[in-house]
Amino acid sequence: MEFINSLNIVELSNPGVISRQLLNPENSTSTRITITEVHLEPGAIQPRHTHESSEQIWYATKGCGHLLLADDTEKEITAGDVVRFADGDVHGLKNDGAGEFVYISVTSPPINFGYAYEKKAN
C-alpha cells in the first residue's frame, strides 16, 4: 500500500490554471500512471499540445469549456464528460464558461508535468 499525504501533493500553476499532482513520479513509486486534478479559472487556456508516448483520460467534474483539438477544431466539454486522448493526439482546453472548470486527468505511462508550468508549490 502507498499513502500520499496531502502535504506531499505538489501544485503546479500557470496564469489561471492550477494542476494538483495527486500521484506522479515525484510522490509515488507507481510506474504506470500520473493522476492530476486541474482547475481553470474562467477565461483560462491550456494551449494545444501532444504527448507522444502517453495517453490521457480526462474526467470533467465541474463547469464547462471547449476542448482545443487538431486542425483548430473545438468540442464542448461539460461536467460528467469523459474524453480519451491517444498517444500523439492534439489536445488543450479553454474555459469559456462562467465559473471554474475542473477535471481529473489520468496519464499512462506517467509524465512529470513540471516542465509545462511556471510555478511549483506544496
PDB file of N, CA and C in Angstrom:
ATOM      1  N   MET A   1       0.839  -1.177   0.000  1.00  0.00           N
ATOM      2  CA  MET A   1       0.000   0.000   0.000  1.00  0.00           C
ATOM      3  C   MET A   1       0.881   1.236   0.000  1.00  0.00           C
ATOM      4  N   GLU A   2       0.408   2.234  -0.677  1.00  0.00           N
ATOM      5  CA  GLU A   2       1.105   3.525  -0.701  1.00  0.00           C
ATOM      6  C   GLU A   2       0.090   4.597  -0.340  1.00  0.00           C
ATOM      7  N   PHE A   3       0.432   5.451   0.625  1.00  0.00           N
ATOM      8  CA  PHE A   3      -0.444   6.537   1.072  1.00  0.00           C
ATOM      9  C   PHE A   3       0.243   7.852   0.759  1.00  0.00           C
ATOM     10  N   ILE A   4      -0.466   8.751   0.094  1.00  0.00           N
ATOM     11  CA  ILE A   4       0.108  10.051  -0.246  1.00  0.00           C
ATOM     12  C   ILE A   4      -0.596  11.110   0.591  1.00  0.00           C
ATOM     13  N   ASN A   5       0.132  11.661   1.530  1.00  0.00           N
ATOM     14  CA  ASN A   5      -0.385  12.696   2.407  1.00  0.00           C
ATOM     15  C   ASN A   5      -0.614  13.966   1.604  1.00  0.00           C
ATOM     16  N   SER A   6      -1.673  14.695   1.944  1.00  0.00           N
ATOM     17  CA  SER A   6      -1.985  15.926   1.218  1.00  0.00           C
ATOM     18  C   SER A   6      -0.827  16.919   1.226  1.00  0.00           C
ATOM     19  N   LEU A   7       0.047  16.839   2.232  1.00  0.00           N
ATOM     20  CA  LEU A   7       1.216  17.729   2.288  1.00  0.00           C
ATOM     21  C   LEU A   7       2.229  17.420   1.191  1.00  0.00           C
ATOM     22  N   ASN A   8       2.135  16.226   0.600  1.00  0.00           N
ATOM     23  CA  ASN A   8       3.056  15.821  -0.459  1.00  0.00           C
ATOM     24  C   ASN A   8       2.479  15.990  -1.858  1.00  0.00           C
ATOM     25  N   ILE A   9       1.330  16.657  -1.941  1.00  0.00           N
ATOM     26  CA  ILE A   9       0.725  16.918  -3.245  1.00  0.00           C
ATOM     27  C   ILE A   9       1.198  18.281  -3.725  1.00  0.00           C
ATOM     28  N   VAL A  10       1.955  18.273  -4.799  1.00  0.00           N
ATOM     29  CA  VAL A  10       2.522  19.496  -5.363  1.00  0.00           C
ATOM     30  C   VAL A  10       1.486  20.166  -6.252  1.00  0.00           C
ATOM     31  N   GLU A  11       1.434  21.495  -6.177  1.00  0.00           N
ATOM     32  CA  GLU A  11       0.582  22.268  -7.072  1.00  0.00           C
ATOM     33  C   GLU A  11       1.463  23.002  -8.064  1.00  0.00           C
ATOM     34  N   LEU A  12       1.191  22.772  -9.337  1.00  0.00           N
ATOM     35  CA  LEU A  12       1.871  23.478 -10.409  1.00  0.00           C
ATOM     36  C   LEU A  12       0.901  24.526 -10.937  1.00  0.00           C
ATOM     37  N   SER A  13       1.411  25.685 -11.356  1.00  0.00           N
ATOM     38  CA  SER A  13       0.480  26.705 -11.830  1.00  0.00           C
ATOM     39  C   SER A  13       1.032  27.523 -12.981  1.00  0.00           C
ATOM     40  N   ASN A  14       0.120  27.935 -13.812  1.00  0.00           N
ATOM     41  CA  ASN A  14       0.287  28.923 -14.857  1.00  0.00           C
ATOM     42  C   ASN A  14      -0.832  29.933 -14.638  1.00  0.00           C
ATOM     43  N   PRO A  15      -0.793  31.083 -15.272  1.00  0.00           N
ATOM     44  CA  PRO A  15      -1.882  32.040 -15.061  1.00  0.00           C
ATOM     45  C   PRO A  15      -3.258  31.413 -15.319  1.00  0.00           C
ATOM     46  N   GLY A  16      -4.103  31.420 -14.286  1.00  0.00           N
ATOM     47  CA  GLY A  16      -5.460  30.909 -14.389  1.00  0.00           C
ATOM     48  C   GLY A  16      -5.601  29.404 -14.297  1.00  0.00           C
ATOM     49  N   VAL A  17      -4.488  28.682 -14.131  1.00  0.00           N
ATOM     50  CA  VAL A  17      -4.519  27.217 -14.106  1.00  0.00           C
ATOM     51  C   VAL A  17      -3.728  26.700 -12.907  1.00  0.00           C
ATOM     52  N   ILE A  18      -4.335  25.798 -12.137  1.00  0.00           N
ATOM     53  CA  ILE A  18      -3.637  25.091 -11.059  1.00  0.00           C
ATOM     54  C   ILE A  18      -3.779  23.605 -11.329  1.00  0.00           C
ATOM     55  N   SER A  19      -2.661  22.897 -11.307  1.00  0.00           N
ATOM     56  CA  SER A  19      -2.645  21.457 -11.541  1.00  0.00           C
ATOM     57  C   SER A  19      -2.099  20.783 -10.286  1.00  0.00           C
ATOM     58  N   ARG A  20      -2.970  20.083  -9.562  1.00  0.00           N
ATOM     59  CA  ARG A  20      -2.581  19.374  -8.345  1.00  0.00           C
ATOM     60  C   ARG A  20      -2.090  17.992  -8.741  1.00  0.00           C
ATOM     61  N   GLN A  21      -0.827  17.701  -8.476  1.00  0.00           N
ATOM     62  CA  GLN A  21      -0.199  16.435  -8.872  1.00  0.00           C
ATOM     63  C   GLN A  21      -0.498  15.372  -7.814  1.00  0.00           C
ATOM     64  N   LEU A  22      -1.679  14.751  -7.916  1.00  0.00           N
ATOM     65  CA  LEU A  22      -2.135  13.808  -6.893  1.00  0.00           C
ATOM     66  C   LEU A  22      -1.239  12.584  -6.789  1.00  0.00           C
ATOM     67  N   LEU A  23      -0.863  12.030  -7.921  1.00  0.00           N
ATOM     68  CA  LEU A  23       0.020  10.865  -7.943  1.00  0.00           C
ATOM     69  C   LEU A  23       0.920  11.021  -9.165  1.00  0.00           C
ATOM     70  N   ASN A  24       2.216  11.073  -8.915  1.00  0.00           N
ATOM     71  CA  ASN A  24       3.167  11.284 -10.008  1.00  0.00           C
ATOM     72  C   ASN A  24       4.519  10.696  -9.629  1.00  0.00           C
ATOM     73  N   PRO A  25       5.467  10.704 -10.545  1.00  0.00           N
ATOM     74  CA  PRO A  25       6.768  10.093 -10.251  1.00  0.00           C
ATOM     75  C   PRO A  25       7.521  10.719  -9.076  1.00  0.00           C
ATOM     76  N   GLU A  26       7.155  11.940  -8.669  1.00  0.00           N
ATOM     77  CA  GLU A  26       7.845  12.578  -7.544  1.00  0.00           C
ATOM     78  C   GLU A  26       7.303  12.161  -6.183  1.00  0.00           C
ATOM     79  N   ASN A  27       6.024  11.724  -6.103  1.00  0.00           N
ATOM     80  CA  ASN A  27       5.469  11.380  -4.792  1.00  0.00           C
ATOM     81  C   ASN A  27       4.993   9.926  -4.702  1.00  0.00           C
ATOM     82  N   SER A  28       5.283   9.137  -5.752  1.00  0.00           N
ATOM     83  CA  SER A  28       4.799   7.762  -5.788  1.00  0.00           C
ATOM     84  C   SER A  28       5.829   6.858  -6.473  1.00  0.00           C
ATOM     85  N   THR A  29       5.782   5.588  -6.128  1.00  0.00           N
ATOM     86  CA  THR A  29       6.629   4.612  -6.807  1.00  0.00           C
ATOM     87  C   THR A  29       5.924   3.994  -8.010  1.00  0.00           C
ATOM     88  N   SER A  30       4.689   4.444  -8.290  1.00  0.00           N
ATOM     89  CA  SER A  30       3.953   3.919  -9.434  1.00  0.00           C
ATOM     90  C   SER A  30       4.697   4.198 -10.729  1.00  0.00           C
ATOM     91  N   THR A  31       4.774   3.196 -11.566  1.00  0.00           N
ATOM     92  CA  THR A  31       5.410   3.355 -12.876  1.00  0.00           C
ATOM     93  C   THR A  31       4.372   3.298 -13.993  1.00  0.00           C
ATOM     94  N   ARG A  32       3.085   3.330 -13.617  1.00  0.00           N
ATOM     95  CA  ARG A  32       2.034   3.145 -14.616  1.00  0.00           C
ATOM     96  C   ARG A  32       1.201   4.377 -14.918  1.00  0.00           C
ATOM     97  N   ILE A  33       0.954   5.256 -13.923  1.00  0.00           N
ATOM     98  CA  ILE A  33       0.066   6.390 -14.170  1.00  0.00           C
ATOM     99  C   ILE A  33       0.490   7.643 -13.415  1.00  0.00           C
ATOM    100  N   THR A  34       0.028   8.764 -13.928  1.00  0.00           N
ATOM    101  CA  THR A  34       0.035  10.047 -13.230  1.00  0.00           C
ATOM    102  C   THR A  34      -1.423  10.459 -13.116  1.00  0.00           C
ATOM    103  N   ILE A  35      -1.817  10.959 -11.949  1.00  0.00           N
ATOM    104  CA  ILE A  35      -3.172  11.457 -11.755  1.00  0.00           C
ATOM    105  C   ILE A  35      -3.075  12.910 -11.312  1.00  0.00           C
ATOM    106  N   THR A  36      -3.782  13.788 -12.018  1.00  0.00           N
ATOM    107  CA  THR A  36      -3.772  15.207 -11.677  1.00  0.00           C
ATOM    108  C   THR A  36      -5.200  15.722 -11.569  1.00  0.00           C
ATOM    109  N   GLU A  37      -5.367  16.748 -10.759  1.00  0.00           N
ATOM    110  CA  GLU A  37      -6.639  17.466 -10.639  1.00  0.00           C
ATOM    111  C   GLU A  37      -6.352  18.876 -11.134  1.00  0.00           C
ATOM    112  N   VAL A  38      -7.012  19.266 -12.213  1.00  0.00           N
ATOM    113  CA  VAL A  38      -6.697  20.536 -12.867  1.00  0.00           C
ATOM    114  C   VAL A  38      -7.867  21.505 -12.726  1.00  0.00           C
ATOM    115  N   HIS A  39      -7.557  22.736 -12.304  1.00  0.00           N
ATOM    116  CA  HIS A  39      -8.541  23.800 -12.115  1.00  0.00           C
ATOM    117  C   HIS A  39      -8.225  24.938 -13.073  1.00  0.00           C
ATOM    118  N   LEU A  40      -9.220  25.368 -13.845  1.00  0.00           N
ATOM    119  CA  LEU A  40      -9.059  26.514 -14.747  1.00  0.00           C
ATOM    120  C   LEU A  40     -10.067  27.593 -14.378  1.00  0.00           C
ATOM    121  N   GLU A  41      -9.571  28.793 -14.141  1.00  0.00           N
ATOM    122  CA  GLU A  41     -10.443  29.933 -13.902  1.00  0.00           C
ATOM    123  C   GLU A  41     -11.153  30.303 -15.204  1.00  0.00           C
ATOM    124  N   PRO A  42     -12.291  31.005 -15.124  1.00  0.00           N
ATOM    125  CA  PRO A  42     -12.942  31.455 -16.353  1.00  0.00           C
ATOM    126  C   PRO A  42     -11.956  32.245 -17.222  1.00  0.00           C
ATOM    127  N   GLY A  43     -11.938  31.932 -18.501  1.00  0.00           N
ATOM    128  CA  GLY A  43     -11.050  32.599 -19.447  1.00  0.00           C
ATOM    129  C   GLY A  43      -9.680  31.963 -19.590  1.00  0.00           C
ATOM    130  N   ALA A  44      -9.332  31.016 -18.713  1.00  0.00           N
ATOM    131  CA  ALA A  44      -8.009  30.377 -18.763  1.00  0.00           C
ATOM    132  C   ALA A  44      -7.944  29.373 -19.915  1.00  0.00           C
ATOM    133  N   ILE A  45      -6.723  29.208 -20.428  1.00  0.00           N
ATOM    134  CA  ILE A  45      -6.499  28.290 -21.549  1.00  0.00           C
ATOM    135  C   ILE A  45      -5.288  27.408 -21.268  1.00  0.00           C
ATOM    136  N   GLN A  46      -5.425  26.137 -21.580  1.00  0.00           N
ATOM    137  CA  GLN A  46      -4.287  25.235 -21.695  1.00  0.00           C
ATOM    138  C   GLN A  46      -4.071  25.070 -23.192  1.00  0.00           C
ATOM    139  N   PRO A  47      -2.980  25.569 -23.728  1.00  0.00           N
ATOM    140  CA  PRO A  47      -2.776  25.548 -25.185  1.00  0.00           C
ATOM    141  C   PRO A  47      -2.724  24.124 -25.746  1.00  0.00           C
ATOM    142  N   ARG A  48      -3.000  24.020 -27.021  1.00  0.00           N
ATOM    143  CA  ARG A  48      -2.902  22.735 -27.719  1.00  0.00           C
ATOM    144  C   ARG A  48      -1.492  22.180 -27.566  1.00  0.00           C
ATOM    145  N   HIS A  49      -1.425  20.863 -27.352  1.00  0.00           N
ATOM    146  CA  HIS A  49      -0.145  20.176 -27.211  1.00  0.00           C
ATOM    147  C   HIS A  49      -0.376  18.682 -27.443  1.00  0.00           C
ATOM    148  N   THR A  50       0.698  17.914 -27.420  1.00  0.00           N
ATOM    149  CA  THR A  50       0.610  16.462 -27.553  1.00  0.00           C
ATOM    150  C   THR A  50       1.513  15.800 -26.530  1.00  0.00           C
ATOM    151  N   HIS A  51       1.259  14.532 -26.283  1.00  0.00           N
ATOM    152  CA  HIS A  51       2.145  13.670 -25.501  1.00  0.00           C
ATOM    153  C   HIS A  51       2.448  12.489 -26.416  1.00  0.00           C
ATOM    154  N   GLU A  52       3.629  12.448 -26.944  1.00  0.00           N
ATOM    155  CA  GLU A  52       3.956  11.476 -27.990  1.00  0.00           C
ATOM    156  C   GLU A  52       3.890  10.023 -27.549  1.00  0.00           C
ATOM    157  N   SER A  53       4.172   9.742 -26.273  1.00  0.00           N
ATOM    158  CA  SER A  53       4.176   8.342 -25.874  1.00  0.00           C
ATOM    159  C   SER A  53       3.378   8.086 -24.594  1.00  0.00           C
ATOM    160  N   SER A  54       2.353   8.900 -24.367  1.00  0.00           N
ATOM    161  CA  SER A  54       1.426   8.669 -23.253  1.00  0.00           C
ATOM    162  C   SER A  54       0.013   8.981 -23.716  1.00  0.00           C
ATOM    163  N   GLU A  55      -0.947   8.223 -23.190  1.00  0.00           N
ATOM    164  CA  GLU A  55      -2.345   8.558 -23.422  1.00  0.00           C
ATOM    165  C   GLU A  55      -2.893   9.231 -22.168  1.00  0.00           C
ATOM    166  N   GLN A  56      -3.955  10.013 -22.343  1.00  0.00           N
ATOM    167  CA  GLN A  56      -4.594  10.688 -21.221  1.00  0.00           C
ATOM    168  C   GLN A  56      -6.093  10.467 -21.279  1.00  0.00           C
ATOM    169  N   ILE A  57      -6.680  10.371 -20.093  1.00  0.00           N
ATOM    170  CA  ILE A  57      -8.125  10.328 -19.946  1.00  0.00           C
ATOM    171  C   ILE A  57      -8.498  11.468 -19.011  1.00  0.00           C
ATOM    172  N   TRP A  58      -9.422  12.307 -19.452  1.00  0.00           N
ATOM    173  CA  TRP A  58      -9.906  13.418 -18.641  1.00  0.00           C
ATOM    174  C   TRP A  58     -11.345  13.148 -18.237  1.00  0.00           C
ATOM    175  N   TYR A  59     -11.634  13.399 -16.956  1.00  0.00           N
ATOM    176  CA  TYR A  59     -12.993  13.320 -16.426  1.00  0.00           C
ATOM    177  C   TYR A  59     -13.351  14.703 -15.893  1.00  0.00           C
ATOM    178  N   ALA A  60     -14.290  15.373 -16.551  1.00  0.00           N
ATOM    179  CA  ALA A  60     -14.707  16.717 -16.138  1.00  0.00           C
ATOM    180  C   ALA A  60     -15.619  16.610 -14.918  1.00  0.00           C
ATOM    181  N   THR A  61     -15.264  17.307 -13.845  1.00  0.00           N
ATOM    182  CA  THR A  61     -16.046  17.224 -12.609  1.00  0.00           C
ATOM    183  C   THR A  61     -16.819  18.500 -12.295  1.00  0.00           C
ATOM    184  N   LYS A  62     -16.455  19.624 -12.949  1.00  0.00           N
ATOM    185  CA  LYS A  62     -17.118  20.894 -12.638  1.00  0.00           C
ATOM    186  C   LYS A  62     -16.991  21.841 -13.822  1.00  0.00           C
ATOM    187  N   GLY A  63     -18.093  22.496 -14.186  1.00  0.00           N
ATOM    188  CA  GLY A  63     -18.054  23.551 -15.184  1.00  0.00           C
ATOM    189  C   GLY A  63     -18.217  23.069 -16.613  1.00  0.00           C
ATOM    190  N   CYS A  64     -17.898  23.982 -17.536  1.00  0.00           N
ATOM    191  CA  CYS A  64     -17.965  23.677 -18.952  1.00  0.00           C
ATOM    192  C   CYS A  64     -16.898  24.479 -19.688  1.00  0.00           C
ATOM    193  N   GLY A  65     -16.514  23.985 -20.859  1.00  0.00           N
ATOM    194  CA  GLY A  65     -15.499  24.654 -21.652  1.00  0.00           C
ATOM    195  C   GLY A  65     -15.430  24.015 -23.020  1.00  0.00           C
ATOM    196  N   HIS A  66     -14.319  24.246 -23.704  1.00  0.00           N
ATOM    197  CA  HIS A  66     -14.123  23.670 -25.037  1.00  0.00           C
ATOM    198  C   HIS A  66     -12.752  23.000 -25.125  1.00  0.00           C
ATOM    199  N   LEU A  67     -12.763  21.771 -25.626  1.00  0.00           N
ATOM    200  CA  LEU A  67     -11.522  21.085 -25.939  1.00  0.00           C
ATOM    201  C   LEU A  67     -10.927  21.744 -27.171  1.00  0.00           C
ATOM    202  N   LEU A  68      -9.624  21.950 -27.161  1.00  0.00           N
ATOM    203  CA  LEU A  68      -8.912  22.508 -28.303  1.00  0.00           C
ATOM    204  C   LEU A  68      -8.215  21.347 -28.993  1.00  0.00           C
ATOM    205  N   LEU A  69      -8.675  21.006 -30.186  1.00  0.00           N
ATOM    206  CA  LEU A  69      -8.229  19.797 -30.870  1.00  0.00           C
ATOM    207  C   LEU A  69      -7.427  20.134 -32.121  1.00  0.00           C
ATOM    208  N   ALA A  70      -7.012  19.100 -32.844  1.00  0.00           N
ATOM    209  CA  ALA A  70      -6.220  19.273 -34.069  1.00  0.00           C
ATOM    210  C   ALA A  70      -7.002  20.078 -35.105  1.00  0.00           C
ATOM    211  N   ASP A  71      -6.263  20.672 -36.033  1.00  0.00           N
ATOM    212  CA  ASP A  71      -6.850  21.429 -37.144  1.00  0.00           C
ATOM    213  C   ASP A  71      -7.743  22.566 -36.672  1.00  0.00           C
ATOM    214  N   ASP A  72      -7.387  23.171 -35.529  1.00  0.00           N
ATOM    215  CA  ASP A  72      -8.139  24.296 -34.957  1.00  0.00           C
ATOM    216  C   ASP A  72      -9.601  23.979 -34.669  1.00  0.00           C
ATOM    217  N   THR A  73      -9.932  22.702 -34.465  1.00  0.00           N
ATOM    218  CA  THR A  73     -11.307  22.347 -34.120  1.00  0.00           C
ATOM    219  C   THR A  73     -11.488  22.400 -32.607  1.00  0.00           C
ATOM    220  N   GLU A  74     -12.743  22.545 -32.190  1.00  0.00           N
ATOM    221  CA  GLU A  74     -13.099  22.588 -30.778  1.00  0.00           C
ATOM    222  C   GLU A  74     -14.305  21.690 -30.548  1.00  0.00           C
ATOM    223  N   LYS A  75     -14.424  21.188 -29.312  1.00  0.00           N
ATOM    224  CA  LYS A  75     -15.574  20.373 -28.931  1.00  0.00           C
ATOM    225  C   LYS A  75     -15.951  20.739 -27.506  1.00  0.00           C
ATOM    226  N   GLU A  76     -17.227  20.948 -27.273  1.00  0.00           N
ATOM    227  CA  GLU A  76     -17.697  21.306 -25.942  1.00  0.00           C
ATOM    228  C   GLU A  76     -17.470  20.150 -24.968  1.00  0.00           C
ATOM    229  N   ILE A  77     -17.104  20.497 -23.735  1.00  0.00           N
ATOM    230  CA  ILE A  77     -16.962  19.519 -22.659  1.00  0.00           C
ATOM    231  C   ILE A  77     -17.625  20.103 -21.420  1.00  0.00           C
ATOM    232  N   THR A  78     -18.403  19.280 -20.723  1.00  0.00           N
ATOM    233  CA  THR A  78     -19.090  19.725 -19.520  1.00  0.00           C
ATOM    234  C   THR A  78     -18.916  18.683 -18.412  1.00  0.00           C
ATOM    235  N   ALA A  79     -19.202  19.096 -17.184  1.00  0.00           N
ATOM    236  CA  ALA A  79     -19.082  18.202 -16.031  1.00  0.00           C
ATOM    237  C   ALA A  79     -19.800  16.890 -16.314  1.00  0.00           C
ATOM    238  N   GLY A  80     -19.117  15.793 -16.026  1.00  0.00           N
ATOM    239  CA  GLY A  80     -19.651  14.453 -16.260  1.00  0.00           C
ATOM    240  C   GLY A  80     -19.118  13.803 -17.520  1.00  0.00           C
ATOM    241  N   ASP A  81     -18.558  14.611 -18.448  1.00  0.00           N
ATOM    242  CA  ASP A  81     -17.997  14.062 -19.683  1.00  0.00           C
ATOM    243  C   ASP A  81     -16.631  13.434 -19.436  1.00  0.00           C
ATOM    244  N   VAL A  82     -16.322  12.422 -20.240  1.00  0.00           N
ATOM    245  CA  VAL A  82     -15.016  11.756 -20.214  1.00  0.00           C
ATOM    246  C   VAL A  82     -14.457  11.796 -21.624  1.00  0.00           C
ATOM    247  N   VAL A  83     -13.173  12.099 -21.758  1.00  0.00           N
ATOM    248  CA  VAL A  83     -12.525  12.119 -23.068  1.00  0.00           C
ATOM    249  C   VAL A  83     -11.178  11.399 -22.953  1.00  0.00           C
ATOM    250  N   ARG A  84     -10.835  10.645 -23.989  1.00  0.00           N
ATOM    251  CA  ARG A  84      -9.548   9.936 -24.029  1.00  0.00           C
ATOM    252  C   ARG A  84      -8.741  10.448 -25.209  1.00  0.00           C
ATOM    253  N   PHE A  85      -7.481  10.787 -24.931  1.00  0.00           N
ATOM    254  CA  PHE A  85      -6.542  11.205 -25.963  1.00  0.00           C
ATOM    255  C   PHE A  85      -5.493  10.113 -26.119  1.00  0.00           C
ATOM    256  N   ALA A  86      -5.376   9.562 -27.319  1.00  0.00           N
ATOM    257  CA  ALA A  86      -4.349   8.557 -27.594  1.00  0.00           C
ATOM    258  C   ALA A  86      -2.991   9.233 -27.703  1.00  0.00           C
ATOM    259  N   ASP A  87      -1.930   8.446 -27.672  1.00  0.00           N
ATOM    260  CA  ASP A  87      -0.580   8.974 -27.867  1.00  0.00           C
ATOM    261  C   ASP A  87      -0.574   9.880 -29.092  1.00  0.00           C
ATOM    262  N   GLY A  88      -0.029  11.083 -28.962  1.00  0.00           N
ATOM    263  CA  GLY A  88       0.119  11.987 -30.092  1.00  0.00           C
ATOM    264  C   GLY A  88      -1.110  12.797 -30.459  1.00  0.00           C
ATOM    265  N   ASP A  89      -2.269  12.570 -29.820  1.00  0.00           N
ATOM    266  CA  ASP A  89      -3.452  13.375 -30.123  1.00  0.00           C
ATOM    267  C   ASP A  89      -3.247  14.815 -29.664  1.00  0.00           C
ATOM    268  N   VAL A  90      -3.603  15.749 -30.515  1.00  0.00           N
ATOM    269  CA  VAL A  90      -3.550  17.168 -30.159  1.00  0.00           C
ATOM    270  C   VAL A  90      -4.706  17.458 -29.206  1.00  0.00           C
ATOM    271  N   HIS A  91      -4.410  18.141 -28.109  1.00  0.00           N
ATOM    272  CA  HIS A  91      -5.446  18.494 -27.147  1.00  0.00           C
ATOM    273  C   HIS A  91      -5.046  19.705 -26.328  1.00  0.00           C
ATOM    274  N   GLY A  92      -6.044  20.419 -25.873  1.00  0.00           N
ATOM    275  CA  GLY A  92      -5.901  21.571 -24.991  1.00  0.00           C
ATOM    276  C   GLY A  92      -7.285  21.879 -24.463  1.00  0.00           C
ATOM    277  N   LEU A  93      -7.408  22.965 -23.707  1.00  0.00           N
ATOM    278  CA  LEU A  93      -8.686  23.288 -23.095  1.00  0.00           C
ATOM    279  C   LEU A  93      -8.824  24.792 -22.936  1.00  0.00           C
ATOM    280  N   LYS A  94     -10.034  25.270 -23.191  1.00  0.00           N
ATOM    281  CA  LYS A  94     -10.369  26.682 -22.991  1.00  0.00           C
ATOM    282  C   LYS A  94     -11.577  26.728 -22.071  1.00  0.00           C
ATOM    283  N   ASN A  95     -11.448  27.403 -20.933  1.00  0.00           N
ATOM    284  CA  ASN A  95     -12.600  27.575 -20.053  1.00  0.00           C
ATOM    285  C   ASN A  95     -13.312  28.856 -20.466  1.00  0.00           C
ATOM    286  N   ASP A  96     -14.322  28.696 -21.312  1.00  0.00           N
ATOM    287  CA  ASP A  96     -15.113  29.846 -21.724  1.00  0.00           C
ATOM    288  C   ASP A  96     -16.468  29.867 -21.014  1.00  0.00           C
ATOM    289  N   GLY A  97     -16.550  29.103 -19.918  1.00  0.00           N
ATOM    290  CA  GLY A  97     -17.757  29.099 -19.099  1.00  0.00           C
ATOM    291  C   GLY A  97     -17.727  30.228 -18.082  1.00  0.00           C
ATOM    292  N   ALA A  98     -18.812  30.354 -17.325  1.00  0.00           N
ATOM    293  CA  ALA A  98     -18.945  31.437 -16.349  1.00  0.00           C
ATOM    294  C   ALA A  98     -18.215  31.149 -15.037  1.00  0.00           C
ATOM    295  N   GLY A  99     -17.915  29.886 -14.753  1.00  0.00           N
ATOM    296  CA  GLY A  99     -17.276  29.529 -13.489  1.00  0.00           C
ATOM    297  C   GLY A  99     -16.050  28.671 -13.699  1.00  0.00           C
ATOM    298  N   GLU A 100     -15.502  28.210 -12.595  1.00  0.00           N
ATOM    299  CA  GLU A 100     -14.314  27.357 -12.629  1.00  0.00           C
ATOM    300  C   GLU A 100     -14.603  26.057 -13.382  1.00  0.00           C
ATOM    301  N   PHE A 101     -13.600  25.564 -14.119  1.00  0.00           N
ATOM    302  CA  PHE A 101     -13.679  24.261 -14.764  1.00  0.00           C
ATOM    303  C   PHE A 101     -12.661  23.364 -14.080  1.00  0.00           C
ATOM    304  N   VAL A 102     -13.075  22.148 -13.706  1.00  0.00           N
ATOM    305  CA  VAL A 102     -12.190  21.207 -13.017  1.00  0.00           C
ATOM    306  C   VAL A 102     -12.281  19.853 -13.711  1.00  0.00           C
ATOM    307  N   TYR A 103     -11.114  19.229 -13.898  1.00  0.00           N
ATOM    308  CA  TYR A 103     -11.109  17.865 -14.420  1.00  0.00           C
ATOM    309  C   TYR A 103     -10.010  17.055 -13.757  1.00  0.00           C
ATOM    310  N   ILE A 104     -10.211  15.743 -13.755  1.00  0.00           N
ATOM    311  CA  ILE A 104      -9.214  14.793 -13.286  1.00  0.00           C
ATOM    312  C   ILE A 104      -8.578  14.179 -14.525  1.00  0.00           C
ATOM    313  N   SER A 105      -7.250  14.120 -14.548  1.00  0.00           N
ATOM    314  CA  SER A 105      -6.521  13.558 -15.676  1.00  0.00           C
ATOM    315  C   SER A 105      -5.738  12.339 -15.213  1.00  0.00           C
ATOM    316  N   VAL A 106      -5.848  11.262 -15.986  1.00  0.00           N
ATOM    317  CA  VAL A 106      -5.060  10.054 -15.752  1.00  0.00           C
ATOM    318  C   VAL A 106      -4.174   9.870 -16.978  1.00  0.00           C
ATOM    319  N   THR A 107      -2.857   9.811 -16.763  1.00  0.00           N
ATOM    320  CA  THR A 107      -1.885   9.716 -17.847  1.00  0.00           C
ATOM    321  C   THR A 107      -1.077   8.442 -17.699  1.00  0.00           C
ATOM    322  N   SER A 108      -0.965   7.691 -18.793  1.00  0.00           N
ATOM    323  CA  SER A 108      -0.208   6.445 -18.767  1.00  0.00           C
ATOM    324  C   SER A 108       0.570   6.287 -20.068  1.00  0.00           C
ATOM    325  N   PRO A 109       1.865   5.953 -19.980  1.00  0.00           N
ATOM    326  CA  PRO A 109       2.677   5.919 -18.770  1.00  0.00           C
ATOM    327  C   PRO A 109       2.817   7.314 -18.169  1.00  0.00           C
ATOM    328  N   PRO A 110       3.290   7.372 -16.915  1.00  0.00           N
ATOM    329  CA  PRO A 110       3.307   8.638 -16.187  1.00  0.00           C
ATOM    330  C   PRO A 110       4.208   9.690 -16.819  1.00  0.00           C
ATOM    331  N   ILE A 111       3.819  10.936 -16.587  1.00  0.00           N
ATOM    332  CA  ILE A 111       4.602  12.095 -17.014  1.00  0.00           C
ATOM    333  C   ILE A 111       4.769  13.005 -15.816  1.00  0.00           C
ATOM    334  N   ASN A 112       5.944  13.565 -15.651  1.00  0.00           N
ATOM    335  CA  ASN A 112       6.173  14.627 -14.677  1.00  0.00           C
ATOM    336  C   ASN A 112       5.879  15.934 -15.402  1.00  0.00           C
ATOM    337  N   PHE A 113       4.785  16.595 -15.052  1.00  0.00           N
ATOM    338  CA  PHE A 113       4.322  17.768 -15.786  1.00  0.00           C
ATOM    339  C   PHE A 113       4.982  19.080 -15.370  1.00  0.00           C
ATOM    340  N   GLY A 114       5.971  19.040 -14.505  1.00  0.00           N
ATOM    341  CA  GLY A 114       6.631  20.257 -14.056  1.00  0.00           C
ATOM    342  C   GLY A 114       7.151  21.128 -15.180  1.00  0.00           C
ATOM    343  N   TYR A 115       7.553  20.523 -16.288  1.00  0.00           N
ATOM    344  CA  TYR A 115       8.113  21.272 -17.417  1.00  0.00           C
ATOM    345  C   TYR A 115       7.099  22.243 -18.028  1.00  0.00           C
ATOM    346  N   ALA A 116       5.804  21.985 -17.851  1.00  0.00           N
ATOM    347  CA  ALA A 116       4.772  22.756 -18.537  1.00  0.00           C
ATOM    348  C   ALA A 116       4.210  23.911 -17.706  1.00  0.00           C
ATOM    349  N   TYR A 117       4.720  24.085 -16.486  1.00  0.00           N
ATOM    350  CA  TYR A 117       4.167  25.093 -15.592  1.00  0.00           C
ATOM    351  C   TYR A 117       5.249  26.049 -15.104  1.00  0.00           C
ATOM    352  N   GLU A 118       4.829  27.295 -14.835  1.00  0.00           N
ATOM    353  CA  GLU A 118       5.755  28.337 -14.389  1.00  0.00           C
ATOM    354  C   GLU A 118       6.123  28.207 -12.924  1.00  0.00           C
ATOM    355  N   LYS A 119       5.144  27.822 -12.074  1.00  0.00           N
ATOM    356  CA  LYS A 119       5.358  27.797 -10.632  1.00  0.00           C
ATOM    357  C   LYS A 119       5.064  26.429 -10.047  1.00  0.00           C
ATOM    358  N   LYS A 120       5.782  26.123  -8.953  1.00  0.00           N
ATOM    359  CA  LYS A 120       5.594  24.865  -8.237  1.00  0.00           C
ATOM    360  C   LYS A 120       5.522  25.186  -6.755  1.00  0.00           C
ATOM    361  N   ALA A 121       4.495  24.626  -6.065  1.00  0.00           N
ATOM    362  CA  ALA A 121       4.355  24.855  -4.619  1.00  0.00           C
ATOM    363  C   ALA A 121       3.686  23.649  -3.978  1.00  0.00           C
ATOM    364  N   ASN A 122       3.964  23.442  -2.682  1.00  0.00           N
ATOM    365  CA  ASN A 122       3.256  22.408  -1.910  1.00  0.00           C
ATOM    366  C   ASN A 122       2.111  23.056  -1.197  1.00  0.00           C
TER     367      ASN A 122
END
